[in-house]
C-alpha atoms as a PDB file:
ATOM      1  CA  MET A   1     -17.135   2.640 -15.460  1.00  0.00           C
ATOM      2  CA  ALA A   2     -18.584   5.783 -13.930  1.00  0.00           C
ATOM      3  CA  GLY A   3     -17.734   6.384 -10.316  1.00  0.00           C
ATOM      4  CA  HIS A   4     -14.666   4.149 -10.202  1.00  0.00           C
ATOM      5  CA  SER A   5     -12.488   7.006  -8.983  1.00  0.00           C
ATOM      6  CA  LYS A   6      -9.006   6.127  -7.797  1.00  0.00           C
ATOM      7  CA  TRP A   7      -8.789   9.462  -6.037  1.00  0.00           C
ATOM      8  CA  ALA A   8     -12.013   8.804  -4.102  1.00  0.00           C
ATOM      9  CA  ASN A   9     -10.660   5.412  -3.075  1.00  0.00           C
ATOM     10  CA  ILE A  10      -7.424   7.031  -1.860  1.00  0.00           C
ATOM     11  CA  GLN A  11      -9.424   9.506   0.205  1.00  0.00           C
ATOM     12  CA  HIS A  12     -11.503   6.673   1.659  1.00  0.00           C
ATOM     13  CA  ARG A  13      -8.364   4.834   2.676  1.00  0.00           C
ATOM     14  CA  LYS A  14      -6.914   7.922   4.333  1.00  0.00           C
ATOM     15  CA  ASN A  15     -10.148   8.546   6.245  1.00  0.00           C
ATOM     16  CA  ALA A  16     -10.217   4.935   7.386  1.00  0.00           C
ATOM     17  CA  GLN A  17      -6.622   5.207   8.565  1.00  0.00           C
ATOM     18  CA  ASP A  18      -7.417   8.368  10.513  1.00  0.00           C
ATOM     19  CA  ALA A  19     -10.216   6.512  12.268  1.00  0.00           C
ATOM     20  CA  LYS A  20      -7.851   3.675  13.220  1.00  0.00           C
ATOM     21  CA  ARG A  21      -4.718   5.692  13.940  1.00  0.00           C
ATOM     22  CA  GLY A  22      -3.464   3.480  16.786  1.00  0.00           C
ATOM     23  CA  LYS A  23      -3.639   0.382  14.606  1.00  0.00           C
ATOM     24  CA  ILE A  24      -1.970   2.219  11.713  1.00  0.00           C
ATOM     25  CA  PHE A  25       0.898   3.212  14.024  1.00  0.00           C
ATOM     26  CA  THR A  26       1.366  -0.451  14.962  1.00  0.00           C
ATOM     27  CA  LYS A  27       1.627  -1.427  11.301  1.00  0.00           C
ATOM     28  CA  LEU A  28       4.049   1.418  10.553  1.00  0.00           C
ATOM     29  CA  ILE A  29       6.296   0.466  13.464  1.00  0.00           C
ATOM     30  CA  ARG A  30       6.425  -3.117  12.190  1.00  0.00           C
ATOM     31  CA  GLU A  31       7.412  -1.885   8.723  1.00  0.00           C
ATOM     32  CA  ILE A  32      10.093   0.404  10.161  1.00  0.00           C
ATOM     33  CA  SER A  33      11.432  -2.426  12.320  1.00  0.00           C
ATOM     34  CA  THR A  34      11.554  -4.946   9.495  1.00  0.00           C
ATOM     35  CA  ALA A  35      13.152  -2.466   7.091  1.00  0.00           C
ATOM     36  CA  ALA A  36      15.801  -1.482   9.625  1.00  0.00           C
ATOM     37  CA  ARG A  37      16.574  -5.086  10.502  1.00  0.00           C
ATOM     38  CA  ALA A  38      16.904  -6.049   6.827  1.00  0.00           C
ATOM     39  CA  GLY A  39      18.868  -3.066   5.562  1.00  0.00           C
ATOM     40  CA  GLY A  40      20.320  -1.290   8.584  1.00  0.00           C
ATOM     41  CA  GLY A  41      19.208   1.671  10.657  1.00  0.00           C
ATOM     42  CA  ASP A  42      20.606   4.431   8.415  1.00  0.00           C
ATOM     43  CA  ALA A  43      17.688   5.760   6.370  1.00  0.00           C
ATOM     44  CA  ALA A  44      20.059   7.541   3.976  1.00  0.00           C
ATOM     45  CA  SER A  45      21.386   4.202   2.723  1.00  0.00           C
ATOM     46  CA  ASN A  46      18.212   2.122   3.230  1.00  0.00           C
ATOM     47  CA  PRO A  47      15.457   3.124   0.759  1.00  0.00           C
ATOM     48  CA  ARG A  48      12.868   0.822   2.322  1.00  0.00           C
ATOM     49  CA  LEU A  49      13.461   2.345   5.753  1.00  0.00           C
ATOM     50  CA  ARG A  50      13.393   5.856   4.309  1.00  0.00           C
ATOM     51  CA  LEU A  51       9.995   5.220   2.727  1.00  0.00           C
ATOM     52  CA  ALA A  52       8.651   3.671   5.937  1.00  0.00           C
ATOM     53  CA  ILE A  53       9.806   6.677   7.966  1.00  0.00           C
ATOM     54  CA  ASP A  54       8.268   9.093   5.447  1.00  0.00           C
ATOM     55  CA  ARG A  55       4.944   7.260   5.708  1.00  0.00           C
ATOM     56  CA  ALA A  56       5.134   7.338   9.511  1.00  0.00           C
ATOM     57  CA  LEU A  57       5.844  11.074   9.560  1.00  0.00           C
ATOM     58  CA  THR A  58       2.959  11.675   7.159  1.00  0.00           C
ATOM     59  CA  ALA A  59       0.732   9.801   9.621  1.00  0.00           C
ATOM     60  CA  ASN A  60       1.981  12.171  12.377  1.00  0.00           C
ATOM     61  CA  MET A  61       4.044   9.594  14.257  1.00  0.00           C
ATOM     62  CA  THR A  62       6.625  11.261  16.489  1.00  0.00           C
ATOM     63  CA  ARG A  63      10.304  11.072  15.629  1.00  0.00           C
ATOM     64  CA  ASP A  64      10.969   9.617  19.092  1.00  0.00           C
ATOM     65  CA  ALA A  65       8.663   6.672  18.351  1.00  0.00           C
ATOM     66  CA  ILE A  66      10.352   6.138  14.986  1.00  0.00           C
ATOM     67  CA  GLU A  67      13.809   6.241  16.553  1.00  0.00           C
ATOM     68  CA  ARG A  68      12.807   3.704  19.225  1.00  0.00           C
ATOM     69  CA  ALA A  69      11.509   1.333  16.542  1.00  0.00           C
ATOM     70  CA  VAL A  70      14.786   1.592  14.607  1.00  0.00           C
ATOM     71  CA  LYS A  71      16.874   1.014  17.731  1.00  0.00           C
ATOM     72  CA  LYS A  72      14.839  -2.053  18.687  1.00  0.00           C
ATOM     73  CA  ALA A  73      15.279  -3.460  15.206  1.00  0.00           C
ATOM     74  CA  THR A  74      19.038  -2.909  15.156  1.00  0.00           C
ATOM     75  CA  GLY A  75      19.568  -4.351  18.653  1.00  0.00           C
ATOM     76  CA  GLU A  76      20.227  -1.112  20.545  1.00  0.00           C
ATOM     77  CA  LEU A  77      17.002  -1.751  22.467  1.00  0.00           C
ATOM     78  CA  GLU A  78      15.171  -5.009  23.184  1.00  0.00           C
ATOM     79  CA  GLY A  79      12.371  -5.670  20.712  1.00  0.00           C
ATOM     80  CA  VAL A  80      10.221  -8.217  18.865  1.00  0.00           C
ATOM     81  CA  THR A  81      11.288  -9.903  15.639  1.00  0.00           C
ATOM     82  CA  TYR A  82       8.630 -10.022  12.928  1.00  0.00           C
ATOM     83  CA  GLU A  83       8.385 -12.542  10.095  1.00  0.00           C
ATOM     84  CA  GLU A  84       7.179 -11.441   6.663  1.00  0.00           C
ATOM     85  CA  LEU A  85       4.469 -13.643   5.130  1.00  0.00           C
ATOM     86  CA  ARG A  86       2.425 -13.454   1.936  1.00  0.00           C
ATOM     87  CA  TYR A  87      -0.939 -15.077   1.261  1.00  0.00           C
ATOM     88  CA  GLU A  88      -2.719 -15.290  -2.089  1.00  0.00           C
ATOM     89  CA  GLY A  89      -6.238 -16.146  -3.136  1.00  0.00           C
ATOM     90  CA  TYR A  90      -9.450 -15.078  -4.793  1.00  0.00           C
ATOM     91  CA  ALA A  91     -12.305 -12.904  -3.565  1.00  0.00           C
ATOM     92  CA  PRO A  92     -15.831 -13.205  -4.997  1.00  0.00           C
ATOM     93  CA  GLY A  93     -16.175 -12.214  -8.643  1.00  0.00           C
ATOM     94  CA  GLY A  94     -12.827 -13.744  -9.574  1.00  0.00           C
ATOM     95  CA  VAL A  95     -10.898 -10.900  -7.934  1.00  0.00           C
ATOM     96  CA  ALA A  96      -7.262 -11.784  -7.222  1.00  0.00           C
ATOM     97  CA  VAL A  97      -6.007 -10.812  -3.761  1.00  0.00           C
ATOM     98  CA  ILE A  98      -2.538 -10.701  -2.195  1.00  0.00           C
ATOM     99  CA  VAL A  99      -2.140 -10.142   1.548  1.00  0.00           C
ATOM    100  CA  ASP A 100       1.274  -9.135   2.938  1.00  0.00           C
ATOM    101  CA  CYS A 101       1.740  -9.651   6.669  1.00  0.00           C
ATOM    102  CA  MET A 102       4.295  -9.106   9.414  1.00  0.00           C
ATOM    103  CA  THR A 103       3.829 -11.302  12.446  1.00  0.00           C
ATOM    104  CA  ASP A 104       5.385 -12.818  15.527  1.00  0.00           C
ATOM    105  CA  ASN A 105       2.880 -15.719  15.394  1.00  0.00           C
ATOM    106  CA  ARG A 106       2.515 -17.468  12.028  1.00  0.00           C
ATOM    107  CA  ASN A 107      -0.343 -19.749  13.174  1.00  0.00           C
ATOM    108  CA  ARG A 108      -2.466 -16.823  14.377  1.00  0.00           C
ATOM    109  CA  THR A 109      -1.908 -14.918  11.157  1.00  0.00           C
ATOM    110  CA  VAL A 110      -2.814 -17.689   8.726  1.00  0.00           C
ATOM    111  CA  SER A 111      -5.908 -18.486  10.782  1.00  0.00           C
ATOM    112  CA  ASP A 112      -7.070 -14.856  10.708  1.00  0.00           C
ATOM    113  CA  VAL A 113      -6.417 -14.462   6.979  1.00  0.00           C
ATOM    114  CA  ARG A 114      -8.104 -17.762   6.086  1.00  0.00           C
ATOM    115  CA  HIS A 115     -11.144 -16.797   8.176  1.00  0.00           C
ATOM    116  CA  ALA A 116     -11.456 -13.494   6.284  1.00  0.00           C
ATOM    117  CA  PHE A 117     -11.382 -15.204   2.887  1.00  0.00           C
ATOM    118  CA  THR A 118     -13.945 -17.798   3.988  1.00  0.00           C
ATOM    119  CA  LYS A 119     -16.243 -15.275   5.669  1.00  0.00           C
ATOM    120  CA  PHE A 120     -16.731 -13.310   2.453  1.00  0.00           C
ATOM    121  CA  GLY A 121     -16.940 -16.223   0.054  1.00  0.00           C
ATOM    122  CA  GLY A 122     -13.359 -16.164  -1.159  1.00  0.00           C
ATOM    123  CA  ASN A 123     -10.743 -18.898  -1.390  1.00  0.00           C
ATOM    124  CA  LEU A 124      -7.216 -18.837  -0.001  1.00  0.00           C
ATOM    125  CA  GLY A 125      -4.830 -20.252  -2.594  1.00  0.00           C
ATOM    126  CA  THR A 126      -1.275 -21.540  -2.750  1.00  0.00           C
ATOM    127  CA  ASP A 127       1.935 -19.560  -3.205  1.00  0.00           C
ATOM    128  CA  GLY A 128       2.055 -18.163  -6.723  1.00  0.00           C
ATOM    129  CA  SER A 129      -1.638 -18.745  -7.434  1.00  0.00           C
ATOM    130  CA  VAL A 130      -2.285 -15.062  -8.234  1.00  0.00           C
ATOM    131  CA  SER A 131       1.046 -13.247  -7.849  1.00  0.00           C
ATOM    132  CA  PHE A 132       1.841 -13.788 -11.535  1.00  0.00           C
ATOM    133  CA  LEU A 133      -0.963 -11.328 -12.305  1.00  0.00           C
ATOM    134  CA  PHE A 134       0.793  -8.489 -10.464  1.00  0.00           C
ATOM    135  CA  ARG A 135       3.856  -6.344 -11.024  1.00  0.00           C
ATOM    136  CA  LYS A 136       5.735  -4.323  -8.418  1.00  0.00           C
ATOM    137  CA  LEU A 137       5.661  -0.599  -9.180  1.00  0.00           C
ATOM    138  CA  GLY A 138       6.363   2.736  -7.591  1.00  0.00           C
ATOM    139  CA  VAL A 139       3.255   4.948  -7.680  1.00  0.00           C
ATOM    140  CA  LEU A 140       2.982   8.664  -6.927  1.00  0.00           C
ATOM    141  CA  SER A 141      -0.642   9.827  -6.622  1.00  0.00           C
ATOM    142  CA  LEU A 142      -1.355  13.505  -7.300  1.00  0.00           C
ATOM    143  CA  ALA A 143      -4.590  15.374  -6.648  1.00  0.00           C
ATOM    144  CA  PRO A 144      -6.987  16.495  -9.383  1.00  0.00           C
ATOM    145  CA  GLY A 145      -5.967  19.891 -10.717  1.00  0.00           C
ATOM    146  CA  THR A 146      -2.223  19.223 -10.655  1.00  0.00           C
ATOM    147  CA  ASP A 147      -0.397  20.613 -13.692  1.00  0.00           C
ATOM    148  CA  GLU A 148      -0.075  17.511 -15.867  1.00  0.00           C
ATOM    149  CA  ASP A 149       2.469  19.015 -18.262  1.00  0.00           C
ATOM    150  CA  ALA A 150       4.793  19.926 -15.392  1.00  0.00           C
ATOM    151  CA  VAL A 151       4.457  16.446 -13.907  1.00  0.00           C
ATOM    152  CA  VAL A 152       5.209  14.754 -17.211  1.00  0.00           C
ATOM    153  CA  GLU A 153       8.315  16.866 -17.806  1.00  0.00           C
ATOM    154  CA  VAL A 154       9.789  16.342 -14.349  1.00  0.00           C
ATOM    155  CA  ALA A 155       8.823  12.710 -13.840  1.00  0.00           C
ATOM    156  CA  LEU A 156       9.906  11.342 -17.209  1.00  0.00           C
ATOM    157  CA  GLU A 157      13.207  13.221 -17.006  1.00  0.00           C
ATOM    158  CA  ALA A 158      13.839  11.547 -13.624  1.00  0.00           C
ATOM    159  CA  GLY A 159      13.174   8.082 -15.018  1.00  0.00           C
ATOM    160  CA  ALA A 160       9.440   7.477 -14.566  1.00  0.00           C
ATOM    161  CA  GLU A 161       7.885   4.856 -16.831  1.00  0.00           C
ATOM    162  CA  ASP A 162       4.561   6.579 -17.388  1.00  0.00           C
ATOM    163  CA  VAL A 163       2.234   9.371 -16.271  1.00  0.00           C
ATOM    164  CA  THR A 164      -1.501   8.680 -16.429  1.00  0.00           C
ATOM    165  CA  THR A 165      -4.614  10.776 -15.796  1.00  0.00           C
ATOM    166  CA  ASP A 166      -7.726   9.111 -14.401  1.00  0.00           C
ATOM    167  CA  PRO A 167     -10.692   9.835 -16.695  1.00  0.00           C
ATOM    168  CA  ASP A 168     -13.149   9.729 -13.786  1.00  0.00           C
ATOM    169  CA  ASP A 169     -11.607  12.437 -11.627  1.00  0.00           C
ATOM    170  CA  ALA A 170      -8.544  13.890 -13.448  1.00  0.00           C
ATOM    171  CA  SER A 171      -6.176  12.765 -10.688  1.00  0.00           C
ATOM    172  CA  ILE A 172      -2.667  11.880 -11.875  1.00  0.00           C
ATOM    173  CA  GLU A 173      -0.493   8.849 -11.252  1.00  0.00           C
ATOM    174  CA  VAL A 174       3.239   8.656 -11.887  1.00  0.00           C
ATOM    175  CA  LEU A 175       4.402   5.076 -12.424  1.00  0.00           C
ATOM    176  CA  THR A 176       8.017   4.018 -11.873  1.00  0.00           C
ATOM    177  CA  SER A 177      10.076   0.889 -11.554  1.00  0.00           C
ATOM    178  CA  PRO A 178      11.081   0.030  -7.970  1.00  0.00           C
ATOM    179  CA  GLU A 179      14.638   1.035  -8.870  1.00  0.00           C
ATOM    180  CA  THR A 180      13.759   4.573 -10.015  1.00  0.00           C
ATOM    181  CA  PHE A 181      11.035   5.241  -7.413  1.00  0.00           C
ATOM    182  CA  ASP A 182      13.238   7.232  -5.021  1.00  0.00           C
ATOM    183  CA  ALA A 183      14.777   9.364  -7.763  1.00  0.00           C
ATOM    184  CA  VAL A 184      11.405  10.228  -9.291  1.00  0.00           C
ATOM    185  CA  ARG A 185       9.828  10.980  -5.917  1.00  0.00           C
ATOM    186  CA  GLU A 186      12.688  13.304  -4.995  1.00  0.00           C
ATOM    187  CA  ALA A 187      12.579  15.067  -8.382  1.00  0.00           C
ATOM    188  CA  VAL A 188       8.830  15.690  -8.105  1.00  0.00           C
ATOM    189  CA  ALA A 189       9.241  17.008  -4.568  1.00  0.00           C
ATOM    190  CA  LYS A 190      12.103  19.336  -5.611  1.00  0.00           C
ATOM    191  CA  ALA A 191       9.890  20.710  -8.388  1.00  0.00           C
ATOM    192  CA  GLY A 192       7.375  21.756  -5.736  1.00  0.00           C
ATOM    193  CA  ILE A 193       4.668  19.402  -7.009  1.00  0.00           C
ATOM    194  CA  PRO A 194       2.605  18.111  -4.048  1.00  0.00           C
ATOM    195  CA  VAL A 195       2.265  14.326  -3.814  1.00  0.00           C
ATOM    196  CA  ALA A 196      -0.738  12.982  -1.934  1.00  0.00           C
ATOM    197  CA  GLU A 197       0.575   9.432  -1.667  1.00  0.00           C
ATOM    198  CA  ALA A 198       3.811   7.687  -2.612  1.00  0.00           C
ATOM    199  CA  GLU A 199       4.218   3.946  -2.329  1.00  0.00           C
ATOM    200  CA  LEU A 200       5.825   0.828  -3.687  1.00  0.00           C
ATOM    201  CA  THR A 201       2.878  -1.370  -4.518  1.00  0.00           C
ATOM    202  CA  LEU A 202       1.667  -4.310  -6.571  1.00  0.00           C
ATOM    203  CA  ARG A 203      -0.463  -3.477  -9.589  1.00  0.00           C
ATOM    204  CA  ALA A 204      -2.281  -5.957 -11.825  1.00  0.00           C
ATOM    205  CA  ALA A 205      -2.049  -5.580 -15.599  1.00  0.00           C
ATOM    206  CA  THR A 206      -5.824  -5.958 -15.917  1.00  0.00           C
ATOM    207  CA  GLU A 207      -8.587  -5.100 -13.442  1.00  0.00           C
ATOM    208  CA  VAL A 208     -11.909  -6.711 -12.600  1.00  0.00           C
ATOM    209  CA  ALA A 209     -14.582  -3.995 -12.462  1.00  0.00           C
ATOM    210  CA  LEU A 210     -17.385  -4.685  -9.992  1.00  0.00           C
ATOM    211  CA  ASP A 211     -20.534  -2.873  -8.957  1.00  0.00           C
ATOM    212  CA  GLY A 212     -23.484  -3.454  -6.633  1.00  0.00           C
ATOM    213  CA  ASP A 213     -23.470  -6.276  -4.098  1.00  0.00           C
ATOM    214  CA  ALA A 214     -20.339  -7.904  -5.533  1.00  0.00           C
ATOM    215  CA  ALA A 215     -18.372  -4.669  -5.152  1.00  0.00           C
ATOM    216  CA  ALA A 216     -19.658  -4.138  -1.613  1.00  0.00           C
ATOM    217  CA  THR A 217     -18.680  -7.682  -0.597  1.00  0.00           C
ATOM    218  CA  VAL A 218     -15.149  -7.348  -1.964  1.00  0.00           C
ATOM    219  CA  ALA A 219     -14.779  -3.921  -0.300  1.00  0.00           C
ATOM    220  CA  ARG A 220     -15.861  -5.383   3.050  1.00  0.00           C
ATOM    221  CA  MET A 221     -13.393  -8.241   2.641  1.00  0.00           C
ATOM    222  CA  ILE A 222     -10.539  -5.844   1.887  1.00  0.00           C
ATOM    223  CA  ASP A 223     -11.477  -3.654   4.872  1.00  0.00           C
ATOM    224  CA  TRP A 224     -11.660  -6.723   7.124  1.00  0.00           C
ATOM    225  CA  LEU A 225      -8.221  -7.922   6.019  1.00  0.00           C
ATOM    226  CA  GLU A 226      -6.660  -4.466   6.372  1.00  0.00           C
ATOM    227  CA  ASP A 227      -8.043  -4.243   9.912  1.00  0.00           C
ATOM    228  CA  LEU A 228      -6.173  -7.381  11.041  1.00  0.00           C
ATOM    229  CA  ASP A 229      -3.235  -6.518  13.277  1.00  0.00           C
ATOM    230  CA  ASP A 230      -0.767  -8.684  11.348  1.00  0.00           C
ATOM    231  CA  VAL A 231      -1.731  -7.434   7.870  1.00  0.00           C
ATOM    232  CA  GLN A 232       0.436  -4.702   6.380  1.00  0.00           C
ATOM    233  CA  HIS A 233      -0.938  -4.425   2.830  1.00  0.00           C
ATOM    234  CA  VAL A 234      -3.776  -5.855   0.778  1.00  0.00           C
ATOM    235  CA  TYR A 235      -3.500  -5.804  -3.014  1.00  0.00           C
ATOM    236  CA  SER A 236      -6.218  -6.767  -5.467  1.00  0.00           C
ATOM    237  CA  ASN A 237      -7.124  -6.343  -9.105  1.00  0.00           C
ATOM    238  CA  ALA A 238     -10.627  -5.120  -8.228  1.00  0.00           C
ATOM    239  CA  ARG A 239     -11.797  -1.783  -9.589  1.00  0.00           C
ATOM    240  CA  LEU A 240     -14.516  -0.655  -7.205  1.00  0.00           C
ATOM    241  CA  PRO A 241     -16.791   2.387  -7.108  1.00  0.00           C
ATOM    242  CA  ALA A 242     -16.044   4.723  -4.204  1.00  0.00           C
ATOM    243  CA  ASP A 243     -19.455   4.098  -2.651  1.00  0.00           C
ATOM    244  CA  ALA A 244     -18.663   0.369  -2.329  1.00  0.00           C
ATOM    245  CA  PHE A 245     -16.762   1.167   0.850  1.00  0.00           C
ATOM    246  CA  GLY A 246     -19.815   2.701   2.508  1.00  0.00           C
END
């Protein structure tokens, strides 16, 4: 469908994050803390922590703030313990939604998430109600104009599963398994190919394409959820036009 540009949606998300930098820092610190607590404070041997630190540095968080978060998580400094929670449900139009949270107050979080689903005409479901539709993947997003042949050669050699070009905007995505994500990301970086965004994410096998009022409603719901303090990531199988986000 014309206008359903993944690159435009990435740029929207980055602009929204810039506008809410303080809240983004809070979410990044929670991710760093949880990763360090689960896998240790050495980023060299903890891929999840390494990715969280890379994302924090990209967002211009200071190394001192990152180090404090790691030390609090590993017990060198006093800190808060966060619990990881996942909620699943449907947005209007039959769009499947997964909401990953980190919280120190489970009751507050479920209340906030349920309110968001209800407010926009969605339904919060039970565990497993939509997660079967999604697969965990590593995704490297590259800007339009990137040399596709060079990307294909480097990425596939490093273990990537696929390289795709978006027909709407000619941006490129490199898809990997979670296990090969780090190796592929490092290989692409060593080749001097700029990566706009690198993440471990959930991706649905099929998407629900929406336009008009339905697209705008789902976009507002996703924005509302992402703005909640306890929400780290929102995944959906909606394919929305860039102008749905306003």
